[in-house]
Each structure stands twice: as structure tokens, then as C-alpha cells.
Protein backbone atom coordinates (compact mmCIF):
# COMPACT_ATOMS: atom_id res chain seq x y z
CA MET A 1 90.11 107.15 117.27
CA PRO A 2 92.41 106.61 120.26
CA VAL A 3 94.27 103.33 120.69
CA SER A 4 93.77 101.75 124.11
CA ALA A 5 95.71 99.03 125.88
CA GLN A 6 94.86 96.40 123.25
CA GLY A 7 98.45 96.55 121.99
CA ALA A 8 100.04 95.75 125.37
CA ASP A 9 101.01 92.27 124.17
CA TYR A 10 101.91 93.37 120.67
CA ASP A 11 104.65 95.87 119.88
CA PHE A 12 102.56 97.64 117.26
CA PRO A 13 104.13 100.29 115.03
CA SER A 14 103.54 103.98 115.46
CA THR A 15 100.11 105.27 114.46
CA VAL A 16 101.95 107.72 112.23
CA ARG A 17 103.10 106.39 108.88
CA ASP A 18 106.84 105.96 108.50
CA ASP A 19 106.85 105.53 104.74
CA LEU A 20 105.93 109.10 103.81
CA SER A 21 107.53 112.50 103.95
CA ASP A 22 105.73 115.17 105.94
CA LYS A 23 104.47 116.69 102.69
CA ASP A 24 103.13 113.39 101.38
CA LEU A 25 101.56 112.60 104.76
CA GLN A 26 99.60 115.84 104.63
CA ARG A 27 98.43 115.00 101.10
CA VAL A 28 97.33 111.53 102.16
CA GLU A 29 95.46 112.75 105.23
CA LYS A 30 93.65 115.35 103.11
CA ILE A 31 92.61 113.01 100.32
CA THR A 32 91.46 110.18 102.63
CA LYS A 33 89.33 112.44 104.83
CA PRO A 34 85.62 111.52 104.46
CA THR A 35 83.84 113.83 102.06
CA LEU A 36 81.16 116.32 103.11
CA ASP A 37 80.13 117.14 99.53
CA PHE A 38 77.62 114.74 97.99
CA SER A 39 76.64 116.94 95.06
CA LYS A 40 79.13 115.27 92.72
CA ALA A 41 81.54 112.35 92.56
CA GLU A 42 84.93 112.70 94.23
CA ARG A 43 88.14 112.82 92.19
CA PHE A 44 89.38 109.34 91.23
CA GLU A 45 86.29 107.71 92.77
CA THR A 46 85.72 105.58 89.67
CA ASN A 47 89.11 103.92 90.10
CA GLN A 48 88.35 101.89 93.24
CA GLY A 49 91.66 100.06 93.02
CA GLY A 50 93.80 103.04 92.06
CA ALA A 51 95.96 102.54 88.99
CA ALA A 52 95.39 98.81 89.33
CA THR A 53 91.63 99.18 88.65
CA SER A 54 90.24 97.07 85.83
CA THR A 55 88.32 99.02 83.20
CA LYS A 56 87.23 95.90 81.33
CA VAL A 57 83.53 95.39 80.57
CA ALA A 58 81.67 94.40 83.73
CA ASN A 59 80.64 90.89 82.69
CA ARG A 60 80.99 87.44 84.29
CA ASP A 61 84.76 87.81 84.19
CA ALA A 62 84.75 91.13 86.02
CA PHE A 63 86.60 89.68 89.06
CA SER A 64 89.16 87.72 87.00
CA GLN A 65 91.13 90.54 85.41
CA PHE A 66 94.72 91.38 86.33
CA SER A 67 95.82 94.67 87.80
CA SER A 68 95.89 97.22 84.98
CA ASN A 69 99.32 98.53 85.97
CA LEU A 70 101.20 95.23 85.77
CA THR A 71 104.22 94.98 83.53
CA PHE A 72 104.15 92.59 80.58
CA GLU A 73 106.41 90.20 82.50
CA ASP A 74 104.10 90.31 85.52
CA GLU A 75 101.10 89.57 83.28
CA GLN A 76 102.79 86.30 82.39
CA THR A 77 103.36 85.52 86.08
CA PHE A 78 99.69 86.29 86.78
CA LYS A 79 98.57 83.87 84.05
CA LEU A 80 100.78 81.10 85.41
CA GLY A 81 99.27 81.68 88.83
CA ASN A 82 95.79 81.60 87.29
CA ALA A 83 96.50 78.19 85.79
CA LEU A 84 97.56 76.85 89.21
CA PHE A 85 94.55 78.49 90.90
CA ARG A 86 92.28 76.55 88.53
CA LYS A 87 94.30 73.33 88.68
CA LEU A 88 92.43 70.18 89.74
CA TRP A 89 94.48 68.15 92.22
CA VAL A 90 94.18 64.34 92.26
CA SER A 91 94.70 61.70 94.91
CA SER A 92 98.01 59.87 95.40
CA PRO A 93 99.59 57.86 93.96
CA SER A 94 99.03 59.16 90.46
CA SER A 95 100.82 59.26 87.14
CA THR A 96 100.45 63.06 87.17
CA GLN A 97 103.07 63.47 89.87
CA ALA A 98 103.01 67.26 89.82
CA SER A 99 99.28 67.29 90.56
CA ASP A 100 98.76 64.59 93.18
CA GLY A 101 98.42 64.91 96.92
CA LEU A 102 94.70 65.76 97.19
CA GLY A 103 93.31 65.35 100.66
CA PRO A 104 93.09 62.69 101.94
CA LEU A 105 90.11 64.61 103.39
CA PHE A 106 89.14 67.78 101.53
CA ASN A 107 86.45 70.29 100.61
CA ALA A 108 87.48 71.07 97.04
CA ARG A 109 89.88 69.94 94.32
CA ALA A 110 90.89 73.43 93.16
CA CYS A 111 91.05 76.97 94.52
CA GLN A 112 88.62 78.02 91.79
CA SER A 113 86.08 75.46 92.99
CA CYS A 114 85.37 77.56 96.10
CA HIS A 115 86.16 81.01 94.70
CA LEU A 116 83.83 80.67 91.73
CA LYS A 117 84.92 83.06 88.98
CA ASP A 118 87.18 84.56 91.69
CA GLY A 119 84.03 85.78 93.38
CA ARG A 120 81.70 85.07 96.28
CA GLY A 121 80.65 81.61 97.42
CA HIS A 122 77.11 80.64 98.37
CA PRO A 123 75.26 78.29 100.71
CA PRO A 124 73.91 75.09 99.21
CA GLU A 125 70.73 75.93 97.33
CA GLY A 126 68.60 73.63 95.22
CA ASP A 127 71.21 71.11 94.10
CA GLY A 128 72.78 71.04 97.57
CA ASP A 129 76.25 71.99 96.29
CA ALA A 130 78.25 73.05 99.35
CA THR A 131 81.62 73.36 97.58
CA SER A 132 82.00 77.09 98.21
CA MET A 133 80.90 76.92 101.84
CA PHE A 134 82.12 74.87 104.80
CA LEU A 135 82.00 74.71 108.59
CA ARG A 136 84.93 75.87 110.71
CA LEU A 137 85.35 73.78 113.86
CA GLY A 138 86.81 75.24 117.04
CA LYS A 139 86.63 75.16 120.82
CA SER A 140 88.16 76.98 123.74
CA GLY A 141 91.41 75.79 125.26
CA SER A 142 91.02 73.07 127.88
CA THR A 143 94.64 72.25 128.68
CA ALA A 144 97.55 74.43 129.79
CA GLU A 145 99.22 73.84 126.44
CA GLU A 146 96.12 74.83 124.46
CA ILE A 147 95.55 77.95 126.53
CA GLU A 148 99.19 78.99 126.13
CA ALA A 149 98.96 78.47 122.34
CA LEU A 150 95.90 80.74 122.21
CA ASN A 151 97.38 83.39 124.47
CA ASN A 152 100.60 83.49 122.44
CA TYR A 153 98.78 83.53 119.07
CA VAL A 154 100.44 80.25 118.07
CA SER A 155 96.92 78.99 117.38
CA ALA A 156 93.97 81.15 116.40
CA THR A 157 91.57 78.51 117.75
CA ILE A 158 91.70 74.99 119.10
CA PRO A 159 90.45 72.42 116.54
CA ASP A 160 88.14 69.56 117.31
CA PRO A 161 90.29 66.64 118.56
CA VAL A 162 88.76 64.25 115.99
CA TYR A 163 87.65 66.38 113.04
CA GLY A 164 90.26 69.12 113.10
CA GLY A 165 89.76 72.73 112.09
CA GLN A 166 87.01 72.31 109.51
CA LEU A 167 84.46 69.76 108.44
CA GLN A 168 85.53 68.08 105.23
CA ASP A 169 82.73 66.50 103.26
CA LEU A 170 84.87 64.82 100.61
CA ALA A 171 87.53 62.12 100.76
CA VAL A 172 89.87 60.23 98.40
CA PRO A 173 88.85 56.71 97.33
CA GLY A 174 89.02 54.23 100.18
CA LEU A 175 88.43 56.81 102.90
CA THR A 176 85.23 57.99 104.60
CA ALA A 177 84.32 61.66 104.48
CA GLU A 178 83.94 63.45 107.82
CA GLY A 179 80.26 64.34 107.41
CA HIS A 180 77.91 66.75 105.75
CA MET A 181 76.71 70.21 106.69
CA VAL A 182 73.00 70.55 107.40
CA ILE A 183 71.27 73.95 107.39
CA ASP A 184 67.77 74.58 108.72
CA TYR A 185 66.24 78.00 108.04
CA GLN A 186 63.50 79.70 110.02
CA GLU A 187 61.91 82.81 108.52
CA GLN A 188 61.63 85.87 110.76
CA LEU A 189 59.55 88.89 109.73
CA VAL A 190 60.77 92.35 110.66
CA GLN A 191 58.87 95.55 109.95
CA LEU A 192 60.49 98.75 108.79
CA LYS A 193 59.21 102.14 109.92
CA ASP A 194 57.08 102.70 106.79
CA GLY A 195 55.36 99.33 107.27
CA THR A 196 57.44 97.37 104.77
CA GLU A 197 58.02 93.81 105.90
CA VAL A 198 61.35 92.08 105.37
CA SER A 199 61.76 88.35 105.90
CA LEU A 200 65.08 87.28 107.39
CA ARG A 201 66.07 83.64 107.36
CA MET A 202 67.75 82.49 110.57
CA PRO A 203 69.99 79.46 109.98
CA THR A 204 70.74 76.63 112.37
CA TYR A 205 73.74 74.40 111.60
CA SER A 206 74.39 70.77 112.36
CA VAL A 207 76.33 67.84 110.87
CA SER A 208 74.97 64.57 109.52
CA ASP A 209 76.72 61.29 108.71
CA LEU A 210 79.67 61.82 111.05
CA GLY A 211 82.30 59.38 109.83
CA TYR A 212 84.62 59.23 112.85
CA GLY A 213 82.42 59.29 115.89
CA PRO A 214 81.11 62.27 117.90
CA MET A 215 82.67 65.71 117.99
CA HIS A 216 83.92 67.19 121.26
CA LYS A 217 81.02 68.54 123.31
CA ASP A 218 82.49 72.07 123.26
CA THR A 219 83.16 72.23 119.50
CA THR A 220 81.37 75.09 117.78
CA LEU A 221 80.29 75.20 114.13
CA SER A 222 81.05 78.40 112.21
CA PRO A 223 79.77 78.54 108.63
CA ARG A 224 81.93 80.38 106.08
CA ILE A 225 81.36 81.12 102.40
CA ALA A 226 84.34 81.86 100.18
CA PRO A 227 84.86 85.66 99.94
CA PRO A 228 85.65 87.51 96.71
CA MET A 229 89.31 87.55 95.69
CA ILE A 230 89.59 91.07 94.25
CA GLY A 231 91.94 93.69 95.68
CA LEU A 232 93.71 91.44 98.19
CA GLY A 233 97.17 92.76 97.41
CA LEU A 234 95.96 96.33 97.94
CA LEU A 235 94.46 95.43 101.32
CA GLU A 236 97.74 93.84 102.36
CA THR A 237 99.52 97.05 101.43
CA ILE A 238 97.46 99.34 103.69
CA HIS A 239 99.95 100.68 106.22
CA PRO A 240 99.48 99.15 109.71
CA ALA A 241 99.33 102.67 111.20
CA ASP A 242 96.25 103.45 109.12
CA ILE A 243 94.46 100.40 110.57
CA ILE A 244 95.63 100.75 114.15
CA LYS A 245 94.81 104.44 114.50
CA ASN A 246 91.11 103.67 113.87
CA ALA A 247 90.94 101.02 116.58
CA ASP A 248 89.04 101.98 119.72
CA PRO A 249 88.40 98.70 121.58
CA ASP A 250 87.23 100.44 124.74
CA ASP A 251 85.12 103.03 122.86
CA LEU A 252 87.02 105.87 124.48
CA ASP A 253 85.34 108.42 122.22
CA GLY A 254 81.87 107.18 123.17
CA ASP A 255 80.53 106.85 119.61
CA GLY A 256 79.39 103.22 120.07
CA ILE A 257 81.99 101.90 117.61
CA SER A 258 84.71 99.87 119.36
CA GLY A 259 86.67 98.21 116.59
CA LYS A 260 89.84 96.34 117.46
CA TYR A 261 92.65 95.10 115.29
CA ALA A 262 93.44 91.44 114.90
CA ILE A 263 96.80 89.99 115.89
CA ALA A 264 98.39 87.04 114.06
CA ARG A 265 101.73 85.28 114.07
CA MET A 266 103.68 85.00 110.83
CA PRO A 267 104.00 81.29 109.95
CA VAL A 268 107.70 81.19 109.05
CA THR A 269 109.31 83.90 111.20
CA GLY A 270 106.98 83.63 114.19
CA GLU A 271 106.74 87.43 114.29
CA LEU A 272 103.56 89.01 115.64
CA THR A 273 101.77 91.25 113.18
CA LEU A 274 98.32 92.46 112.18
CA GLY A 275 95.72 89.94 111.08
CA ARG A 276 94.03 91.05 107.87
CA PHE A 277 92.42 88.17 105.94
CA GLY A 278 89.65 85.71 106.65
CA TRP A 279 86.20 86.45 108.09
CA LYS A 280 87.81 87.00 111.48
CA ALA A 281 91.10 88.42 110.18
CA GLU A 282 93.10 85.42 111.42
CA ASN A 283 95.61 85.43 108.57
CA PRO A 284 98.29 88.13 108.23
CA THR A 285 99.12 87.94 104.52
CA VAL A 286 97.70 86.76 101.20
CA ARG A 287 100.45 84.14 101.03
CA HIS A 288 99.52 82.71 104.41
CA GLN A 289 95.83 82.79 103.50
CA SER A 290 96.66 80.85 100.34
CA ALA A 291 98.83 78.33 102.19
CA SER A 292 96.14 77.79 104.83
CA ALA A 293 93.52 77.21 102.12
CA PHE A 294 95.79 74.77 100.29
CA ALA A 295 96.16 72.70 103.48
CA GLY A 296 92.68 73.03 104.94
CA ASP A 297 90.48 73.06 101.85
CA ILE A 298 92.40 70.81 99.44
CA GLY A 299 94.85 68.92 101.67
CA ILE A 300 97.95 70.20 99.89
CA SER A 301 101.13 71.07 101.80
CA SER A 302 103.28 74.09 101.05
CA PRO A 303 106.43 75.69 102.47
CA ASP A 304 104.35 77.86 104.82
CA VAL A 305 101.87 75.17 106.02
CA ASP A 306 103.58 71.81 105.75
CA LYS A 307 100.60 69.51 106.22
CA SER A 308 100.70 66.79 103.56
CA PHE A 309 97.76 65.05 105.27
CA GLY A 310 95.81 68.28 105.30
CA ASP A 311 93.46 68.61 108.28
CA CYS A 312 93.68 64.91 109.32
CA THR A 313 94.07 64.43 113.08
CA GLN A 314 95.76 61.74 115.20
CA ASN A 315 92.29 60.29 115.78
CA GLN A 316 91.94 59.60 112.04
CA GLN A 317 94.62 56.96 111.57
CA ALA A 318 93.10 55.68 108.33
CA CYS A 319 93.63 59.14 106.87
CA LEU A 320 97.23 59.33 108.10
CA ALA A 321 97.90 55.93 106.48
CA MET A 322 97.13 57.28 102.98
CA ALA A 323 99.82 58.17 100.45
CA THR A 324 100.89 61.79 100.08
CA GLY A 325 101.84 63.68 96.94
CA VAL A 326 105.31 64.77 98.07
CA GLN A 327 107.83 64.23 95.22
CA GLU A 328 111.38 64.66 96.43
CA ARG A 329 112.61 65.73 93.00
CA LEU A 330 110.09 68.60 93.08
CA GLY A 331 110.52 69.62 96.72
CA ASN A 332 109.55 68.49 100.21
CA THR A 333 105.95 69.69 99.99
CA GLU A 334 103.11 69.04 97.56
CA ALA A 335 102.92 72.67 96.45
CA PRO A 336 106.52 73.91 96.75
CA ASP A 337 107.58 77.30 95.53
CA PRO A 338 107.11 78.46 92.87
CA VAL A 339 103.57 76.97 93.09
CA LEU A 340 102.60 78.81 96.29
CA GLU A 341 104.46 81.90 95.11
CA LEU A 342 102.58 82.00 91.81
CA VAL A 343 99.18 81.45 93.39
CA THR A 344 99.94 84.21 95.85
CA PHE A 345 100.93 86.60 93.05
CA TYR A 346 97.73 85.78 91.19
CA SER A 347 95.63 86.30 94.32
CA LYS A 348 97.28 89.63 95.09
CA ASN A 349 96.75 91.00 91.59
CA LEU A 350 93.10 90.23 90.84
CA ALA A 351 91.90 93.71 89.95
CA VAL A 352 89.04 95.64 91.49
CA PRO A 353 86.50 96.64 88.79
CA ALA A 354 85.84 100.31 88.09
CA ARG A 355 82.87 101.93 89.79
CA ARG A 356 79.76 102.56 87.80
CA ASP A 357 77.27 105.45 87.86
CA VAL A 358 79.37 107.55 90.25
CA ASP A 359 77.72 110.77 88.97
CA ASP A 360 74.18 109.47 89.04
CA GLN A 361 72.05 111.67 91.32
CA GLY A 362 70.32 108.68 92.93
CA VAL A 363 73.69 107.07 93.66
CA LEU A 364 75.04 110.30 95.11
CA ARG A 365 71.94 110.55 97.31
CA GLY A 366 72.50 106.97 98.43
CA LYS A 367 76.12 107.75 99.24
CA GLU A 368 75.03 110.68 101.42
CA LEU A 369 72.56 108.41 103.24
CA PHE A 370 75.27 105.75 103.68
CA TYR A 371 77.51 108.28 105.38
CA GLY A 372 74.66 109.86 107.34
CA ALA A 373 73.52 106.50 108.74
CA GLY A 374 77.00 105.90 110.15
CA CYS A 375 77.88 103.03 107.80
CA ALA A 376 81.20 104.70 106.92
CA SER A 377 82.33 104.48 110.56
CA CYS A 378 83.30 100.85 109.92
CA HIS A 379 83.13 100.65 106.14
CA ARG A 380 85.77 103.36 105.81
CA PRO A 381 85.85 104.54 102.21
CA LYS A 382 89.46 105.39 101.38
CA PHE A 383 93.10 104.59 102.05
CA VAL A 384 96.37 105.36 100.34
CA THR A 385 98.57 102.24 100.29
CA ARG A 386 102.13 102.32 101.56
CA ARG A 387 104.83 103.75 99.34
CA ASP A 388 107.65 101.39 100.40
CA THR A 389 106.11 98.06 99.38
CA ASP A 390 108.00 95.72 97.02
CA ASP A 391 104.76 95.12 95.11
CA LYS A 392 105.00 98.11 92.79
CA ALA A 393 101.53 97.65 91.30
CA GLN A 394 100.07 98.23 94.76
CA ALA A 395 102.40 100.99 95.94
CA PHE A 396 101.03 104.47 96.84
CA GLN A 397 97.57 103.96 95.41
CA LEU A 398 94.39 105.74 96.43
CA ILE A 399 91.91 102.91 96.97
CA TRP A 400 88.23 102.73 97.95
CA PRO A 401 87.63 99.36 99.70
CA TYR A 402 84.99 100.52 102.24
CA THR A 403 86.48 98.64 105.20
CA ASP A 404 88.52 99.56 108.26
CA MET A 405 90.06 96.05 108.47
CA LEU A 406 89.02 95.91 112.12
CA LEU A 407 86.96 93.48 114.17
CA HIS A 408 83.51 94.61 115.34
CA ASP A 409 80.78 93.15 117.54
CA MET A 410 77.94 92.49 115.12
CA GLY A 411 75.37 91.39 117.69
CA GLU A 412 73.89 88.08 118.77
CA GLY A 413 72.01 87.54 115.52
CA LEU A 414 75.25 87.05 113.55
CA ALA A 415 77.21 85.44 116.37
CA ASP A 416 78.80 82.03 115.77
CA GLY A 417 80.07 81.53 119.33
CA GLN A 418 83.55 80.76 118.07
CA GLN A 419 86.63 82.68 119.21
CA VAL A 420 89.34 83.07 116.54
CA GLY A 421 92.47 84.85 117.72
CA VAL A 422 91.38 88.07 119.41
CA ALA A 423 87.94 87.90 117.75
CA ASN A 424 85.23 86.61 120.06
CA GLY A 425 82.09 84.78 119.03
CA ARG A 426 80.24 88.00 118.13
CA GLU A 427 83.03 89.74 116.25
CA TRP A 428 83.77 89.83 112.51
CA ARG A 429 86.19 91.77 110.35
CA THR A 430 84.52 94.54 108.35
CA PRO A 431 84.31 93.04 104.83
CA PRO A 432 85.33 95.27 101.92
CA LEU A 433 82.40 96.43 99.80
CA TRP A 434 84.18 97.02 96.51
CA GLY A 435 82.71 94.84 93.75
CA LEU A 436 79.54 94.27 95.81
CA GLY A 437 77.19 95.34 93.04
CA LEU A 438 78.67 92.87 90.54
CA THR A 439 78.01 89.78 92.65
CA GLU A 440 74.96 88.68 90.65
CA THR A 441 76.72 89.44 87.32
CA VAL A 442 79.76 87.33 88.24
CA ASN A 443 78.28 84.63 90.47
CA GLY A 444 74.62 84.53 89.55
CA HIS A 445 73.33 85.09 93.08
CA THR A 446 72.91 87.76 95.74
CA PHE A 447 73.72 85.84 98.92
CA PHE A 448 75.65 87.97 101.43
CA LEU A 449 77.21 87.86 104.91
CA HIS A 450 79.65 85.22 106.19
CA ASP A 451 77.20 82.39 105.67
CA GLY A 452 75.13 83.68 102.77
CA ARG A 453 71.94 83.86 104.85
CA ALA A 454 71.02 87.27 103.39
CA ARG A 455 69.36 86.89 99.99
CA ASN A 456 69.81 90.51 99.06
CA LEU A 457 71.42 93.71 100.36
CA THR A 458 68.35 94.81 102.34
CA GLU A 459 68.41 91.58 104.34
CA ALA A 460 72.17 91.92 104.82
CA ILE A 461 71.76 95.37 106.35
CA MET A 462 68.87 94.24 108.56
CA TRP A 463 71.05 91.49 110.04
CA HIS A 464 73.47 94.09 111.39
CA GLY A 465 73.47 94.45 115.17
CA GLY A 466 75.82 95.24 118.00
CA GLU A 467 78.00 98.17 117.03
CA ALA A 468 76.04 98.47 113.77
CA GLU A 469 72.62 98.59 115.46
CA LYS A 470 72.27 102.36 115.06
CA ALA A 471 73.22 102.25 111.37
CA LYS A 472 70.73 99.43 110.78
CA GLN A 473 68.00 101.32 112.54
CA ALA A 474 68.73 104.44 110.49
CA PHE A 475 68.22 102.35 107.36
CA ALA A 476 64.99 100.82 108.76
CA ASP A 477 63.66 104.30 109.50
CA MET A 478 64.18 105.56 105.95
CA ASN A 479 61.37 105.84 103.47
CA LYS A 480 61.32 103.49 100.50
CA THR A 481 62.90 106.02 98.09
CA ASP A 482 65.85 106.64 100.39
CA ARG A 483 66.37 102.94 101.07
CA GLN A 484 66.44 102.29 97.33
CA ALA A 485 68.94 105.13 96.87
CA LEU A 486 71.27 103.65 99.52
CA ILE A 487 71.02 100.20 97.93
CA GLY A 488 71.71 101.82 94.55
CA PHE A 489 74.91 103.30 95.95
CA LEU A 490 76.01 99.89 97.20
CA GLU A 491 75.24 98.34 93.82
CA SER A 492 77.47 100.93 92.16
CA LEU A 493 80.51 99.74 94.09
């Protein structure tokens, strides 16, 4: 797809890869070209994560395995990172000085609390547990300083002046929590072409028990469940040229797909780069995603996001008066390196599980239908990662994430009304599909989309709109056998 003027304010790299010889470039272009043969599985299709793919038994721990091509020394580093990922932080002051600094306002006490079994979060169901889901808070810029920060990518969004960038429903002893997320669902029946009825639940979000007065009148609420952790290092290692060349923000080729790439600013250097991680691709690297989660979700400062009071604002003086967990003998943040470094290494090396049933005739038929419906226009099947990365386990791997890493208009039904960086209130990054079929095995549920409103894959597809409207309609027009085949293909990923 042609690249339009989107990059005028960002000196993006060439759309031709600079890490490959001409011979290797030809090989890569050939092997990543979408297949036209659905009579059999493609070569290497089972290994979704390349040589890093986990071939362990697909059980509850399927998302918690390390990359299969790690060295013995790197396995040890991974396990240290795993311990820190699971670590429960405590409030300050505490006798466990290497573990205090929680909050003072927070959503979880550990990374693992949100990313359950390194997998997908869920909306509160039954017991009301909202640990793996929270509300992002944001508004448009209203001052010259705020508008400049947005235009220069210094801020991805403007937080609520009282409650900050996300609603935190937990607090350390002696402090009031910010409030609690409330979800009201309304069921909507849609009918497929063959007469099958599908019930979609439309959520409405609000906040109860506000602890610090009203929010700003323009603040929007954007629900987010924790996404799966697998394959993040591989996604970071996709060459920028392979993402940018698929962007077509002005739909110059007229195919109805107008994906655009996200732009983010590196936290330490200030350099502009591609956004890759988060539901709206606001974070450029796994390390920055980890640092942002430490600060926003747990209230722990790190070298990249030095916020020892977490998401507390100047309008929450009681929060700012609390003790922090900074220990000078350990560093000037609560999670100094090597803590952040180890958690980042762990997060980058959680392996993608091997595909299942790739030669099954029903799965192959579903794959053909997936391509034929146009789903692969955004959920792009294959990439070869860059050769020149320092992360050798991720270097020059053929991977099958089924994402283009771009932002797409998904229609009014999925809109949250919140702009994040270059993503407007209707746009979301195409989520990777690898591991999709193991969600129930690992996490015990089948809640999908950014807020878990879809209770199964059929509902998830039927929520697609905007640029995905044609693909959704193609699915809705299929007979039951074909729909089941397409779902079977997705469940094999």
C-alpha cells in the first residue's frame, strides 16, 4: 500500500528494509507473500513464533514458556524476570525494603495479577473482580501547553486533572481509592443471513464512589483488559519498513482499508519512533510498556518512568503526602535496573505456542474463508523479523502474528471516544491473533476485544465495523458450516 503524507511530521525510515542483502530481501518478500494455496499447510506454519516457538503441551501454562531458542544463561535471566513479574509489592514503609513502594493508588500488586497466567484479562464477571481490567481516563487538550504536548507526541493523551490517566480502584492503608468501574450491558440481537441470531452485549461505563470529587466534564472513559503477553519481543523486532509500507491512511488504493501507523516518543532519548504496544499502539517498546504499567498499574517508579507516586495528581495531596519505596542504597527509583531490565527480558521472551491442526481440512477451509473475507488485509499473517537486532532469539525469524501493527477505524460500535496519540476515538491497533485458540485453556474464559464484551469469537467478529465492515458482512453471509470452519481456523492459532 502507498504511504501518504502521514509521515510529514515524523522522519520515518525507508519503506525498504536496510538490514538485508538484496538476495535476502527477495527471499523475505517471497516467503511473506500471502498464500493462494489452501489445499495444505504452508511450510513452517506450525512454528508461529519461528525458532522461538514453544512446543510444550498446550495446557494452562501454554503462555508462560520461554522462547525455545534461548541460551542456558538467558533461561536463567528469564526465570529471574518471571519472579519479579509475579512479585507482590507492598506499601511503604515496610521491612521488605526491596519490595515496598506500592501505589499509593493502584490497580494491582503484581504484573501477574493483571496478566493472569501471562494471558488475557477479563471484565468483572460474577465475583466482580476487576483486577485485569481498568478504565483509561483522557480528554482533549484545552490549554496551549496541553495542545503542544499532544501535537509533539510528548503526551499521548491529556489525563483527568484530578484522577490522572486511569481510574485506580485500590489504595494503600489510610488513603481513599479513586472509585469503582461500573458496567451496564444491554443485549442487542443481530441476525445472520441464514437466520441465525447472535446476541451482542453493548456495554456502558460509569464510575461509582468517586473519592476525590467530580471528574472533568470532558474526560472520557476507555475500558481496557490486559492483553496476552506472548510474542512481544518478536513484534518489537518487526522492521519499521514492513509496518510503514502497509499504511494507507488516505486509502489511496481504494480498497476501504486505511490503516495508519502510530507515532510515539521514546521516554529517555525523546526520539520519535513507531508506536507498537497497547490497544492504541501508544508505547514504542516492550521496556516502555513495562515501565508505564509499573507506574500506572502498581505505582512503582523505574528509570524510564520516574513516578514514585504513580498516577497521583496535584489535586490528590493526601496521596502525594504518602511515603515512597525509594531506597537510596538500591537506586533512585523503586524498580531500578536490573528490575525493569529483567521484567522487560521476561516479557520479550514469553514464547508463542505452536499451531495445532494446521493440516486439518476444516481448518484449511476456514483459513481460505478468512483470507477470502478480507480479514488478512489487517490481520496480516506473516513477517520476517529484522536481522540486525541485538536480541538474537528474535533475529531473522519467520513469524505468524496475524497483525499489521497499524491503527484502523473499527466503527462507532467499538468507539471509546478517546484520542491516544494519532489514534482517534474510533481507531484501534490490529491485535495479534496468535494464541487466540488457547484463551479458554489458559485463562478459563472466552472474552475478547479491548473490553471483553464479546463472549466468543462469533460475537467478536460481529462487533467489527468501520474498515472491517465488509469482512464482518462476509462472515455474516456465510452458511453455518463455513462460519464454523472459519472459527475453527481461528481456534487453531
